[in-house]
Amino acid sequence: MSTPSSGRPVGASGGALPPVPPPPPSGPTTSRPSSAPRTPGAARPGTQDPPSGSATGGSSGTGGHGPAAPDSPPVPSPDEPRPYGRTVPTENWGWFARVPLRARLVAIIALLLAAGLGIAALATTTVVARYLVGQVDQQLDLTASAVADETFRGNASRSTLPSEYYVLIRWDNGAETPKYWDKAVERSGAPQIPTFMAQEMATRTGKPFTVTSAGGTTPAEWRVVPYPVISKLTGETVGTAYVALPLTGIHETVKVLGRTLAVSALGIALIGGAVAYLAVQRALRPLREIEETAADIASGDLTRRIRPAPPSTEVGSLAVSLNTMLNHIERAFAASEASEARMRRFVSDASHELRTPLATVKGYGELYRMGALTTPEQMDDTMRRIEDSATRMGTLVNDLLALARLDEGRPIRHEPVNLAALARDSAGDLHALDPTRPVRVVSLGGSGDAPEELTVIGDEDRLRQVLANLIGNVSQHTPAGTRVEIALGTQAPQDAGDDPLAVLEVRDHGPGITPEQAAHVFERFYRADSSRNRASGGSGLGMAIVAAIVGAHQGHISVAPTQGGGLTVHVELPTQGYDDGSSPDRT
C-alpha cells in the first residue's frame, strides 16, 4: 500500500512493521559547518529555508507563498558580526589577562603564603622583642635600686667583676660618678643618658626608658631607669642614680629570629608554590580536557564529549551541562542536514514531476505552431493530451500548496466532527469505485458493530481528505476485489487523566509493503517504484498530506502489517479540544 497518487507498486508483506512516524515538515534550518562546498542555492547558515509549499509558486489569490518581505532583516551566520548586543573586546589584553589561569593560581598561592609568613614573622619578632625588653625592665625593677645604693656607698668608678650594669650618679652639684664593667662598655658603648629637669625627673623616677650608646664595637641601645639618691645624714636628695642594662642580647636574638623566620617563609613559599603547581595542575586537568574537547568541536568534530566527573563538583556539573548541550547541538545539526537533504530532494522531485507535463504541453504547442495538426481528430487528441497534462500539473500544485499551508502552521477549524459518519461515507465511495470489493465499517476490537458516533475535534474537510487519500491509496495499490475494513473505536491515552483517543484504522488485505518501504511511506515524493512509472498513481504526496493533516490535529499516524497479509494505517485523533498546536507534534 502506498500513497494515493503514487506510481509505485507494493511488495509482499514480511515481518512486523513498527509504527513509522513521518519526517518533520521542512522549516528553518541551520547548516552544519563542514569543509565540503555548499550546493548552489542552498541556505546560508543562520537563514531560513523556504517552505516546501513555495515550490508551487502560488499567488496571493490562491493562498500560496509570495516572495519574502523586502524589509525583513537577514539573519547573519554565526561567523558574521551581529547587529545587536554589546561588543565583546578581542584585543588590547592586559598583561595579567594573558597569563594562564594555572600560573595565576600558583602565583596567588605563593604570594599569599609569603605575605602570611612575612606578617607572622614581623608579629613574632615584635612580640618577642617586647617580651625580652619587658624581662629587662623587670630585672631593672628588681635590682636597680640595690645596684644604685651599692654604687652610692662605693667610691670606685670601675668594676672588676663581670657585670652588664652601667650606673651613673649625677650629683646636684653637677658632678657625675659612673660605674661599669669595661668589657661591657667596650662592646656595647656607653649609654647617652640625657639630663632632665627636676620636675621632669619626678615623673620619670622608677620608669625605664631607652637611650642610644656611643662607641663600642657593636653599639646597642640601653634600657635606663632613674632613682633619686637620698643622703642618710640629712634625708635630702643629693642626686640621681641612672641604672642601665644593654639590649645587645635582645637585638641579636631578634635578628637571628627574624632571619630564621624570613628564610623559613621563603622556603615554605617556594615549596608551597611547587606543591600548589602540582595540585592546581591536577585540579585543572578536567578543564584542560574541556578546553581540548571544545577545540575539537570548534574544528567540526561534534562527536566529541567531555569525560564525566562527580556531579557534586563544579567541573562535573559543567561536564554534564556541556555534554547535554552537545547532544542537543549534534541532533540539531543532524536534523538540519536531514532537512536540507529532504528539501533538495523535494525540489528535485517537484521539478521532475512538473517537467514531464510541461514538456508535453510545450511539444504539442510546437506541433500546432508548425502546422503538423491538420485534421480535426489530431486537434482533438492534442487538446485532450494538453488538458490531461494541465490536470496533472494542477493536482500536483494543489498537493504542494496543501503541504505548504500545513507546514506554515495555518490554523484549522476546531469543530466537533463525527468520525463514524466520515468512515461510512468513505466506505461508500470505495464501493462505488470498485463494486466487487467488500468494504465494511467495523469496531476496533473486531467484535460487534462499529459505533454510530465517534466525535473528534477538528476540521471536517481536512479529515475527509485524510480518508479520501487512504481509500484512494487502497483502490490504486490493491487488486480489484480485495477486502477492506475501516475500524473505529477509542483507546486510553498514554498519560493518566487525559481524554481517550479516537482511533481509525484502514485495513486492506492486499500485498502490503516491506519494512524498508514502511520506513519511508510518509516521506514526500516517495514511491517504491524507482522507475517513476506513473501508470499506477501520481507523484507520491498522498501519504505525506495525510501525515501533515493528522499532525495539525495533534494526532498520531503509523503503519503496520494487517493480520493475514496486507497493510493497516493506524490514526489516532483527540476527542476533546487541544491547545491550538502548542503541544508537541506526535505525528
Protein backbone atom coordinates (compact mmCIF):
# COMPACT_ATOMS: atom_id res chain seq x y z
CA MET A 1 0.00 0.00 0.00
CA SER A 2 1.37 3.39 -0.93
CA THR A 3 0.31 6.96 -1.44
CA PRO A 4 -2.94 7.53 -3.34
CA SER A 5 -1.20 9.47 -6.05
CA SER A 6 1.94 7.36 -6.05
CA GLY A 7 3.09 5.43 -9.05
CA ARG A 8 4.96 2.74 -7.10
CA PRO A 9 3.87 -0.91 -6.88
CA VAL A 10 3.63 -2.55 -3.49
CA GLY A 11 5.62 -5.58 -2.42
CA ALA A 12 4.76 -8.58 -0.31
CA SER A 13 4.45 -8.07 3.39
CA GLY A 14 7.07 -9.54 5.56
CA GLY A 15 7.55 -9.37 9.32
CA ALA A 16 6.11 -6.99 11.87
CA LEU A 17 6.34 -3.35 10.91
CA PRO A 18 6.85 -0.91 13.78
CA PRO A 19 4.94 2.38 13.74
CA VAL A 20 6.80 4.68 11.39
CA PRO A 21 6.47 8.41 12.13
CA PRO A 22 6.72 10.65 9.08
CA PRO A 23 9.56 13.13 8.83
CA PRO A 24 9.03 16.56 10.36
CA PRO A 25 7.97 19.28 7.96
CA SER A 26 10.63 21.35 6.35
CA GLY A 27 11.28 24.59 8.13
CA PRO A 28 14.02 26.91 9.35
CA THR A 29 17.32 25.12 9.33
CA THR A 30 20.87 25.90 10.22
CA SER A 31 23.64 24.40 8.16
CA ARG A 32 26.22 22.29 9.90
CA PRO A 33 29.75 23.60 9.49
CA SER A 34 31.57 21.42 7.02
CA SER A 35 34.57 21.59 4.80
CA ALA A 36 32.55 20.36 1.82
CA PRO A 37 31.45 23.08 -0.63
CA ARG A 38 27.84 24.12 -0.39
CA THR A 39 25.38 23.32 -3.11
CA PRO A 40 24.47 26.42 -5.14
CA GLY A 41 21.22 27.80 -3.90
CA ALA A 42 21.49 26.07 -0.51
CA ALA A 43 20.56 28.07 2.52
CA ARG A 44 23.28 30.04 4.22
CA PRO A 45 23.92 29.13 7.89
CA GLY A 46 21.55 31.02 10.10
CA THR A 47 18.98 31.71 7.34
CA GLN A 48 15.60 30.15 6.80
CA ASP A 49 14.93 27.70 4.04
CA PRO A 50 11.76 28.47 2.08
CA PRO A 51 8.80 26.26 2.97
CA SER A 52 8.19 23.33 0.73
CA GLY A 53 4.93 24.77 -0.46
CA SER A 54 6.74 27.69 -2.03
CA ALA A 55 7.67 25.37 -4.88
CA THR A 56 4.11 25.68 -6.08
CA GLY A 57 4.60 29.29 -6.99
CA GLY A 58 1.09 30.03 -5.68
CA SER A 59 -0.02 33.63 -5.75
CA SER A 60 -1.78 35.53 -3.03
CA GLY A 61 -5.08 34.80 -4.67
CA THR A 62 -4.60 31.08 -4.16
CA GLY A 63 -3.10 31.31 -0.73
CA GLY A 64 0.38 30.48 -1.94
CA HIS A 65 3.62 31.95 -0.67
CA GLY A 66 4.88 35.12 -2.24
CA PRO A 67 8.42 36.47 -2.09
CA ALA A 68 9.88 37.40 1.27
CA ALA A 69 9.18 40.89 2.52
CA PRO A 70 11.90 43.25 1.28
CA ASP A 71 12.19 44.98 4.63
CA SER A 72 12.78 41.79 6.66
CA PRO A 73 16.35 41.89 8.05
CA PRO A 74 18.62 38.99 7.05
CA VAL A 75 19.80 36.68 9.79
CA PRO A 76 23.62 36.70 9.97
CA SER A 77 25.57 33.50 10.06
CA PRO A 78 27.40 32.54 13.29
CA ASP A 79 30.75 33.83 12.00
CA GLU A 80 29.39 37.22 10.89
CA PRO A 81 29.24 40.28 13.17
CA ARG A 82 25.84 40.66 14.75
CA PRO A 83 23.97 43.97 14.57
CA TYR A 84 22.81 43.66 18.15
CA GLY A 85 24.26 43.04 21.60
CA ARG A 86 27.24 44.54 23.38
CA THR A 87 30.58 44.38 21.60
CA VAL A 88 32.97 41.84 23.11
CA PRO A 89 36.58 43.11 23.25
CA THR A 90 39.01 40.83 21.45
CA GLU A 91 42.26 42.82 21.61
CA ASN A 92 44.36 45.10 23.84
CA TRP A 93 44.57 42.49 26.55
CA GLY A 94 46.45 43.47 29.71
CA TRP A 95 49.50 41.52 30.82
CA PHE A 96 47.58 39.86 33.63
CA ALA A 97 44.86 38.73 31.23
CA ARG A 98 47.50 36.99 29.10
CA VAL A 99 48.81 34.87 31.99
CA PRO A 100 47.35 31.32 32.02
CA LEU A 101 44.93 30.53 34.83
CA ARG A 102 47.16 27.88 36.41
CA ALA A 103 50.08 30.34 36.57
CA ARG A 104 47.82 32.93 38.17
CA LEU A 105 46.59 30.50 40.80
CA VAL A 106 50.12 29.32 41.65
CA ALA A 107 51.39 32.91 41.85
CA ILE A 108 48.48 33.95 44.05
CA ILE A 109 49.00 30.99 46.38
CA ALA A 110 52.76 31.64 46.63
CA LEU A 111 52.23 35.36 47.25
CA LEU A 112 49.61 34.65 49.90
CA LEU A 113 51.96 32.20 51.63
CA ALA A 114 54.84 34.68 51.51
CA ALA A 115 52.66 37.56 52.73
CA GLY A 116 51.16 35.48 55.52
CA LEU A 117 54.52 34.17 56.69
CA GLY A 118 56.06 37.66 56.44
CA ILE A 119 53.32 39.12 58.62
CA ALA A 120 53.71 36.21 61.03
CA ALA A 121 57.50 36.80 61.19
CA LEU A 122 57.04 40.53 61.80
CA ALA A 123 54.47 39.90 64.50
CA THR A 124 56.66 37.23 66.13
CA THR A 125 59.79 39.39 66.23
CA THR A 126 57.82 42.34 67.59
CA VAL A 127 56.20 40.29 70.32
CA VAL A 128 59.47 38.57 71.24
CA ALA A 129 61.35 41.90 71.33
CA ARG A 130 58.72 43.44 73.58
CA TYR A 131 58.74 40.39 75.80
CA LEU A 132 62.51 40.43 76.18
CA VAL A 133 62.53 44.18 76.86
CA GLY A 134 59.88 43.53 79.48
CA GLN A 135 62.16 40.96 81.05
CA VAL A 136 64.94 43.56 81.19
CA ASP A 137 62.54 46.07 82.75
CA GLN A 138 61.54 43.51 85.32
CA GLN A 139 65.17 42.80 86.10
CA LEU A 140 65.83 46.53 86.50
CA ASP A 141 62.80 46.88 88.71
CA LEU A 142 64.09 44.14 90.99
CA THR A 143 67.77 45.02 91.11
CA ALA A 144 68.30 48.64 90.00
CA SER A 145 67.62 50.15 93.42
CA ALA A 146 70.10 47.83 95.15
CA VAL A 147 72.71 48.39 92.47
CA ALA A 148 72.30 52.15 92.76
CA ASP A 149 72.60 52.06 96.56
CA GLU A 150 75.71 49.92 96.41
CA THR A 151 77.25 52.27 93.88
CA PHE A 152 76.38 55.27 96.07
CA ARG A 153 78.24 53.73 99.02
CA GLY A 154 81.32 52.74 96.97
CA ASN A 155 83.96 55.09 95.65
CA ALA A 156 85.45 53.20 92.68
CA SER A 157 84.41 54.24 89.18
CA ARG A 158 85.37 50.90 87.66
CA SER A 159 84.19 47.39 88.42
CA THR A 160 86.50 44.43 88.19
CA LEU A 161 83.73 41.88 88.37
CA PRO A 162 81.82 40.94 85.20
CA SER A 163 78.54 42.87 85.12
CA GLU A 164 76.24 44.25 82.40
CA TYR A 165 75.07 47.09 84.63
CA TYR A 166 76.05 50.66 83.88
CA VAL A 167 75.43 53.03 86.79
CA LEU A 168 75.71 56.81 86.53
CA ILE A 169 75.19 59.11 89.54
CA ARG A 170 74.58 62.75 88.80
CA TRP A 171 75.00 64.84 91.89
CA ASP A 172 73.11 68.00 92.45
CA ASN A 173 76.35 69.95 92.41
CA GLY A 174 76.86 68.88 88.76
CA ALA A 175 79.41 66.12 89.32
CA GLU A 176 78.94 62.63 87.76
CA THR A 177 80.11 59.28 89.08
CA PRO A 178 79.90 56.39 86.53
CA LYS A 179 80.46 52.76 87.41
CA TYR A 180 80.58 49.99 84.81
CA TRP A 181 82.41 46.89 83.59
CA ASP A 182 84.96 47.83 80.97
CA LYS A 183 84.24 44.87 78.71
CA ALA A 184 80.53 45.72 78.58
CA VAL A 185 81.18 49.34 77.57
CA GLU A 186 83.82 48.31 75.03
CA ARG A 187 81.31 46.03 73.33
CA SER A 188 78.01 47.93 73.64
CA GLY A 189 79.28 51.50 74.05
CA ALA A 190 78.45 53.99 76.80
CA PRO A 191 74.76 54.94 77.12
CA GLN A 192 73.96 58.55 76.25
CA ILE A 193 71.70 59.48 79.19
CA PRO A 194 70.13 62.92 78.76
CA THR A 195 69.88 65.46 81.55
CA PHE A 196 66.39 66.05 82.90
CA MET A 197 64.93 68.94 84.82
CA ALA A 198 63.81 68.37 88.40
CA GLN A 199 60.12 68.43 87.54
CA GLU A 200 60.59 66.06 84.62
CA MET A 201 62.76 63.82 86.75
CA ALA A 202 59.98 63.49 89.29
CA THR A 203 57.75 61.89 86.64
CA ARG A 204 60.44 59.51 85.33
CA THR A 205 61.61 58.07 88.62
CA GLY A 206 61.38 54.26 88.56
CA LYS A 207 60.21 54.19 84.93
CA PRO A 208 62.55 52.58 82.36
CA PHE A 209 63.31 54.29 79.05
CA THR A 210 65.63 53.54 76.11
CA VAL A 211 68.70 55.52 75.08
CA THR A 212 71.37 55.12 72.41
CA SER A 213 75.07 54.50 73.00
CA ALA A 214 78.34 55.96 71.86
CA GLY A 215 81.42 53.98 70.97
CA GLY A 216 81.75 50.25 71.36
CA THR A 217 82.40 47.53 68.85
CA THR A 218 78.71 46.74 68.48
CA PRO A 219 76.79 49.81 69.62
CA ALA A 220 73.45 48.95 71.13
CA GLU A 221 70.60 50.59 72.87
CA TRP A 222 70.41 50.67 76.65
CA ARG A 223 67.48 50.41 78.96
CA VAL A 224 67.76 53.01 81.73
CA VAL A 225 65.80 53.54 84.94
CA PRO A 226 66.45 56.56 87.25
CA TYR A 227 66.28 56.59 91.06
CA PRO A 228 66.84 59.51 93.47
CA VAL A 229 69.93 59.42 95.70
CA ILE A 230 68.96 60.34 99.29
CA SER A 231 71.51 61.24 101.94
CA LYS A 232 71.22 59.19 105.11
CA LEU A 233 72.56 62.03 107.22
CA THR A 234 70.21 64.78 106.10
CA GLY A 235 67.46 62.71 104.40
CA GLU A 236 67.57 65.04 101.43
CA THR A 237 68.01 64.19 97.72
CA VAL A 238 71.57 64.80 96.74
CA GLY A 239 71.47 63.43 93.15
CA THR A 240 70.03 60.93 90.71
CA ALA A 241 71.28 57.43 90.02
CA TYR A 242 70.76 56.02 86.49
CA VAL A 243 70.95 52.22 86.29
CA ALA A 244 71.18 50.83 82.73
CA LEU A 245 71.33 47.42 81.06
CA PRO A 246 72.32 46.90 77.38
CA LEU A 247 69.81 45.46 74.85
CA THR A 248 72.55 43.79 72.80
CA GLY A 249 71.37 40.27 73.53
CA ILE A 250 67.80 41.19 72.71
CA HIS A 251 68.81 42.74 69.39
CA GLU A 252 70.89 39.71 68.46
CA THR A 253 68.06 37.38 69.43
CA VAL A 254 65.54 39.35 67.37
CA LYS A 255 67.87 39.46 64.36
CA VAL A 256 68.50 35.71 64.47
CA LEU A 257 64.80 35.06 64.94
CA GLY A 258 63.92 37.40 62.07
CA ARG A 259 66.45 35.78 59.71
CA THR A 260 65.23 32.33 60.65
CA LEU A 261 61.61 33.27 60.06
CA ALA A 262 62.44 35.03 56.76
CA VAL A 263 64.36 32.04 55.43
CA SER A 264 61.60 29.72 56.63
CA ALA A 265 58.95 31.89 54.97
CA LEU A 266 60.87 31.91 51.68
CA GLY A 267 61.37 28.15 51.77
CA ILE A 268 57.76 27.49 52.70
CA ALA A 269 56.56 29.85 49.94
CA LEU A 270 58.75 28.07 47.35
CA ILE A 271 57.76 24.61 48.49
CA GLY A 272 54.11 25.71 48.75
CA GLY A 273 54.29 27.16 45.24
CA ALA A 274 55.68 23.88 43.89
CA VAL A 275 53.03 21.85 45.69
CA ALA A 276 50.37 24.33 44.57
CA TYR A 277 51.55 23.98 40.96
CA LEU A 278 51.17 20.21 41.11
CA ALA A 279 47.81 20.47 42.89
CA VAL A 280 46.48 23.13 40.50
CA GLN A 281 47.76 21.17 37.51
CA ARG A 282 45.90 18.12 38.72
CA ALA A 283 42.78 20.05 39.73
CA LEU A 284 42.61 21.87 36.38
CA ARG A 285 43.19 18.75 34.31
CA PRO A 286 39.41 18.34 33.69
CA LEU A 287 39.29 21.95 32.49
CA ARG A 288 42.20 21.21 30.16
CA GLU A 289 40.26 18.27 28.78
CA ILE A 290 37.22 20.52 28.33
CA GLU A 291 39.45 23.01 26.50
CA GLU A 292 40.78 20.31 24.16
CA THR A 293 37.26 18.96 23.58
CA ALA A 294 35.96 22.44 22.80
CA ALA A 295 38.80 22.96 20.33
CA ASP A 296 37.96 19.68 18.57
CA ILE A 297 34.28 20.63 18.48
CA ALA A 298 35.16 24.05 17.08
CA SER A 299 37.10 22.32 14.30
CA GLY A 300 33.94 20.42 13.34
CA ASP A 301 34.04 17.15 15.35
CA LEU A 302 30.62 17.23 17.05
CA THR A 303 31.01 13.63 18.27
CA ARG A 304 33.49 14.59 21.00
CA ARG A 305 32.25 14.51 24.58
CA ILE A 306 33.69 15.59 27.91
CA ARG A 307 34.80 12.92 30.37
CA PRO A 308 32.23 12.81 33.20
CA ALA A 309 33.18 13.84 36.72
CA PRO A 310 31.27 13.65 40.02
CA PRO A 311 28.20 15.88 39.56
CA SER A 312 28.71 17.30 43.05
CA THR A 313 31.78 19.18 41.76
CA GLU A 314 31.77 22.29 39.60
CA VAL A 315 33.65 20.53 36.79
CA GLY A 316 31.28 17.56 36.94
CA SER A 317 28.23 19.82 36.76
CA LEU A 318 29.82 21.73 33.87
CA ALA A 319 30.63 18.47 32.07
CA VAL A 320 27.04 17.24 32.39
CA SER A 321 25.67 20.56 31.09
CA LEU A 322 28.13 20.70 28.20
CA ASN A 323 27.53 17.08 27.18
CA THR A 324 23.77 17.68 27.23
CA MET A 325 24.23 20.83 25.17
CA LEU A 326 26.48 18.98 22.70
CA ASN A 327 23.88 16.23 22.33
CA HIS A 328 21.25 18.84 21.51
CA ILE A 329 23.59 20.59 19.07
CA GLU A 330 24.54 17.36 17.32
CA ARG A 331 20.91 16.34 17.00
CA ALA A 332 20.04 19.83 15.75
CA PHE A 333 22.78 19.70 13.12
CA ALA A 334 21.75 16.19 12.09
CA ALA A 335 18.14 17.30 11.81
CA SER A 336 19.28 20.37 9.87
CA GLU A 337 21.27 18.27 7.40
CA ALA A 338 18.39 15.82 7.05
CA SER A 339 16.01 18.73 6.49
CA GLU A 340 18.29 20.19 3.83
CA ALA A 341 18.57 16.82 2.13
CA ARG A 342 14.78 16.45 2.19
CA MET A 343 14.36 19.97 0.84
CA ARG A 344 16.77 19.35 -2.03
CA ARG A 345 15.08 16.05 -2.81
CA PHE A 346 11.68 17.73 -2.54
CA VAL A 347 12.61 20.47 -5.01
CA SER A 348 14.22 17.94 -7.32
CA ASP A 349 11.17 15.66 -7.27
CA ALA A 350 8.76 18.55 -7.73
CA SER A 351 10.78 19.77 -10.69
CA HIS A 352 10.83 16.27 -12.15
CA GLU A 353 7.09 15.84 -11.73
CA LEU A 354 6.32 19.21 -13.34
CA ARG A 355 8.86 18.83 -16.14
CA THR A 356 7.06 15.99 -17.95
CA PRO A 357 3.61 17.63 -18.28
CA LEU A 358 5.22 20.96 -19.13
CA ALA A 359 7.27 19.26 -21.84
CA THR A 360 4.09 17.63 -23.14
CA VAL A 361 2.24 20.94 -23.33
CA LYS A 362 5.22 22.62 -24.97
CA GLY A 363 5.64 19.80 -27.51
CA TYR A 364 2.02 19.81 -28.64
CA GLY A 365 2.12 23.61 -28.79
CA GLU A 366 5.11 23.41 -31.15
CA LEU A 367 3.29 20.82 -33.27
CA TYR A 368 0.35 23.20 -33.57
CA ARG A 369 2.63 26.16 -34.39
CA MET A 370 4.41 24.19 -37.11
CA GLY A 371 1.10 23.18 -38.69
CA ALA A 372 1.55 19.45 -38.09
CA LEU A 373 -2.05 19.10 -36.84
CA THR A 374 -4.07 19.01 -40.00
CA THR A 375 -7.22 17.05 -39.13
CA PRO A 376 -9.90 17.63 -36.50
CA GLU A 377 -9.11 14.25 -34.91
CA GLN A 378 -5.48 15.27 -34.40
CA MET A 379 -6.57 18.60 -32.92
CA ASP A 380 -9.00 16.87 -30.53
CA ASP A 381 -6.34 14.35 -29.44
CA THR A 382 -3.79 17.13 -28.92
CA MET A 383 -6.18 19.23 -26.84
CA ARG A 384 -7.10 16.17 -24.75
CA ARG A 385 -3.42 15.44 -24.03
CA ILE A 386 -2.76 19.09 -23.15
CA GLU A 387 -5.77 19.04 -20.83
CA ASP A 388 -4.55 15.83 -19.15
CA SER A 389 -1.09 17.34 -18.59
CA ALA A 390 -2.63 20.54 -17.18
CA THR A 391 -4.82 18.43 -14.87
CA ARG A 392 -1.77 16.56 -13.61
CA MET A 393 0.09 19.81 -13.02
CA GLY A 394 -2.94 21.27 -11.25
CA THR A 395 -3.20 18.23 -8.98
CA LEU A 396 0.49 18.39 -8.13
CA VAL A 397 0.35 22.12 -7.48
CA ASN A 398 -2.72 21.72 -5.25
CA ASP A 399 -0.94 18.99 -3.27
CA LEU A 400 2.15 21.14 -2.87
CA LEU A 401 0.01 24.10 -1.83
CA ALA A 402 -1.78 21.97 0.76
CA LEU A 403 1.54 20.79 2.21
CA ALA A 404 2.90 24.35 2.22
CA ARG A 405 -0.10 25.62 4.14
CA LEU A 406 0.17 22.80 6.66
CA ASP A 407 3.92 23.42 7.04
CA GLU A 408 3.21 27.10 7.56
CA GLY A 409 1.02 26.22 10.52
CA ARG A 410 -2.13 27.93 9.29
CA PRO A 411 -4.98 27.47 11.78
CA ILE A 412 -7.63 24.85 11.07
CA ARG A 413 -11.20 24.69 12.29
CA HIS A 414 -11.82 23.18 15.71
CA GLU A 415 -15.32 21.80 15.47
CA PRO A 416 -16.95 18.55 16.59
CA VAL A 417 -16.75 16.04 13.73
CA ASN A 418 -18.48 12.64 13.63
CA LEU A 419 -15.63 10.41 12.50
CA ALA A 420 -18.01 7.42 12.17
CA ALA A 421 -20.08 9.27 9.56
CA LEU A 422 -16.96 10.14 7.57
CA ALA A 423 -15.85 6.50 7.69
CA ARG A 424 -19.22 5.28 6.36
CA ASP A 425 -19.13 7.87 3.57
CA SER A 426 -15.61 6.76 2.62
CA ALA A 427 -16.71 3.12 2.59
CA GLY A 428 -19.50 4.06 0.18
CA ASP A 429 -17.03 5.95 -2.02
CA LEU A 430 -14.71 2.93 -2.21
CA HIS A 431 -17.59 0.62 -3.05
CA ALA A 432 -18.65 2.99 -5.83
CA LEU A 433 -15.12 2.92 -7.25
CA ASP A 434 -14.97 -0.89 -7.18
CA PRO A 435 -18.34 -2.63 -6.66
CA THR A 436 -16.58 -6.02 -6.49
CA ARG A 437 -14.58 -5.01 -3.41
CA PRO A 438 -16.07 -5.97 0.02
CA VAL A 439 -15.92 -2.92 2.30
CA ARG A 440 -17.03 -2.96 5.95
CA VAL A 441 -17.02 -0.48 8.82
CA VAL A 442 -16.21 -2.48 11.97
CA SER A 443 -15.38 -1.86 15.59
CA LEU A 444 -11.77 -1.51 16.59
CA GLY A 445 -11.72 -4.71 18.65
CA GLY A 446 -13.30 -6.78 15.87
CA SER A 447 -16.36 -7.76 17.90
CA GLY A 448 -19.69 -6.03 17.50
CA ASP A 449 -20.77 -3.25 15.21
CA ALA A 450 -18.90 -0.02 14.69
CA PRO A 451 -20.03 2.91 16.86
CA GLU A 452 -22.69 5.13 15.32
CA GLU A 453 -20.94 8.23 16.60
CA LEU A 454 -17.28 8.90 17.32
CA THR A 455 -16.76 12.61 17.82
CA VAL A 456 -13.39 14.25 17.39
CA ILE A 457 -12.40 17.93 17.38
CA GLY A 458 -11.00 19.17 14.08
CA ASP A 459 -11.61 20.29 10.52
CA GLU A 460 -14.17 18.14 8.73
CA ASP A 461 -12.87 18.94 5.25
CA ARG A 462 -9.31 18.03 6.19
CA LEU A 463 -10.40 14.79 7.87
CA ARG A 464 -12.42 13.88 4.79
CA GLN A 465 -9.25 14.44 2.75
CA VAL A 466 -7.38 12.01 5.06
CA LEU A 467 -9.96 9.27 4.48
CA ALA A 468 -10.17 10.02 0.76
CA ASN A 469 -6.39 9.67 0.38
CA LEU A 470 -6.31 6.42 2.36
CA ILE A 471 -9.24 4.94 0.44
CA GLY A 472 -7.76 6.09 -2.87
CA ASN A 473 -4.46 4.51 -1.89
CA VAL A 474 -6.20 1.18 -1.27
CA SER A 475 -8.09 1.42 -4.56
CA GLN A 476 -4.93 2.10 -6.59
CA HIS A 477 -2.48 -0.32 -4.99
CA THR A 478 -4.50 -3.43 -4.16
CA PRO A 479 -6.05 -5.83 -6.66
CA ALA A 480 -9.72 -5.46 -7.54
CA GLY A 481 -11.99 -7.33 -5.16
CA THR A 482 -9.55 -7.10 -2.22
CA ARG A 483 -11.36 -7.00 1.12
CA VAL A 484 -11.11 -3.73 3.12
CA GLU A 485 -12.18 -2.85 6.68
CA ILE A 486 -12.47 0.58 8.26
CA ALA A 487 -12.19 0.08 12.03
CA LEU A 488 -13.36 2.66 14.58
CA GLY A 489 -13.01 2.85 18.34
CA THR A 490 -11.29 4.54 21.27
CA GLN A 491 -8.24 3.78 23.37
CA ALA A 492 -6.85 5.05 26.65
CA PRO A 493 -4.21 7.79 26.41
CA GLN A 494 -0.62 7.26 27.49
CA ASP A 495 -0.88 9.88 30.25
CA ALA A 496 -3.34 9.15 33.03
CA GLY A 497 -6.09 11.72 33.37
CA ASP A 498 -6.17 12.69 29.68
CA ASP A 499 -9.22 12.20 27.48
CA PRO A 500 -9.46 8.99 25.44
CA LEU A 501 -8.25 9.00 21.85
CA ALA A 502 -10.34 8.21 18.80
CA VAL A 503 -8.76 5.52 16.62
CA LEU A 504 -9.35 4.96 12.90
CA GLU A 505 -7.77 2.07 11.05
CA VAL A 506 -7.92 1.39 7.31
CA ARG A 507 -7.07 -2.29 6.79
CA ASP A 508 -6.53 -3.88 3.42
CA HIS A 509 -5.69 -7.48 2.60
CA GLY A 510 -3.53 -6.79 -0.43
CA PRO A 511 0.17 -7.47 -0.97
CA GLY A 512 1.29 -4.93 1.69
CA ILE A 513 4.67 -3.24 1.82
CA THR A 514 8.11 -4.16 3.08
CA PRO A 515 9.63 -2.79 6.31
CA GLU A 516 12.04 -0.68 4.24
CA GLN A 517 9.11 0.87 2.37
CA ALA A 518 7.22 1.41 5.64
CA ALA A 519 10.14 3.45 6.99
CA HIS A 520 9.68 5.98 4.14
CA VAL A 521 5.96 5.75 3.45
CA PHE A 522 5.23 9.24 4.84
CA GLU A 523 8.05 11.00 3.01
CA ARG A 524 7.16 13.41 0.23
CA PHE A 525 7.51 12.13 -3.34
CA TYR A 526 8.44 8.70 -2.01
CA ARG A 527 7.44 5.82 -4.24
CA ALA A 528 8.58 2.25 -4.07
CA ASP A 529 8.79 2.21 -7.86
CA SER A 530 12.22 3.73 -8.55
CA SER A 531 11.44 3.92 -12.26
CA ARG A 532 8.80 6.59 -11.55
CA ASN A 533 6.18 4.72 -13.54
CA ARG A 534 3.01 6.79 -13.33
CA ALA A 535 0.68 4.08 -14.58
CA SER A 536 -0.40 3.22 -11.04
CA GLY A 537 -0.62 6.62 -9.45
CA GLY A 538 0.64 10.16 -9.03
CA SER A 539 3.65 11.87 -7.54
CA GLY A 540 3.78 10.32 -4.05
CA LEU A 541 2.37 13.18 -1.93
CA GLY A 542 -0.82 11.50 -0.69
CA MET A 543 0.53 9.89 2.48
CA ALA A 544 2.66 12.97 3.24
CA ILE A 545 -0.51 15.08 3.14
CA VAL A 546 -2.28 12.57 5.40
CA ALA A 547 0.56 12.72 7.93
CA ALA A 548 0.63 16.53 7.84
CA ILE A 549 -3.14 16.80 8.40
CA VAL A 550 -3.06 14.31 11.30
CA GLY A 551 -0.16 16.23 12.82
CA ALA A 552 -2.07 19.50 12.50
CA HIS A 553 -4.85 17.83 14.55
CA GLN A 554 -2.31 16.84 17.24
CA GLY A 555 -2.79 13.21 16.27
CA HIS A 556 -0.54 10.27 15.51
CA ILE A 557 -0.29 8.06 12.45
CA SER A 558 1.61 4.83 11.82
CA VAL A 559 1.55 1.75 9.61
CA ALA A 560 1.66 -1.93 10.49
CA PRO A 561 1.05 -5.21 8.63
CA THR A 562 -2.53 -6.48 8.59
CA GLN A 563 -3.08 -9.85 10.21
CA GLY A 564 -3.18 -12.38 7.38
CA GLY A 565 -1.44 -10.06 4.91
CA GLY A 566 -1.90 -6.50 3.79
CA LEU A 567 -1.33 -3.09 5.34
CA THR A 568 -3.07 -1.25 8.18
CA VAL A 569 -2.88 2.50 8.58
CA HIS A 570 -3.46 3.45 12.24
CA VAL A 571 -4.66 7.00 13.00
CA GLU A 572 -5.19 8.48 16.48
CA LEU A 573 -7.08 11.74 16.99
CA PRO A 574 -8.06 13.68 20.13
CA THR A 575 -11.70 13.50 21.18
CA GLN A 576 -11.60 16.84 23.00
CA GLY A 577 -10.25 20.31 22.24
CA TYR A 578 -6.49 20.80 22.22
CA ASP A 579 -4.17 23.76 22.65
CA ASP A 580 -4.05 25.09 19.07
CA GLY A 581 -0.80 23.39 18.27
CA SER A 582 1.20 24.23 21.39
CA SER A 583 1.53 20.56 22.28
CA PRO A 584 4.36 18.57 20.70
CA ASP A 585 3.59 17.11 17.31
CA ARG A 586 3.23 13.36 17.81
CA THR A 587 2.86 12.61 14.13
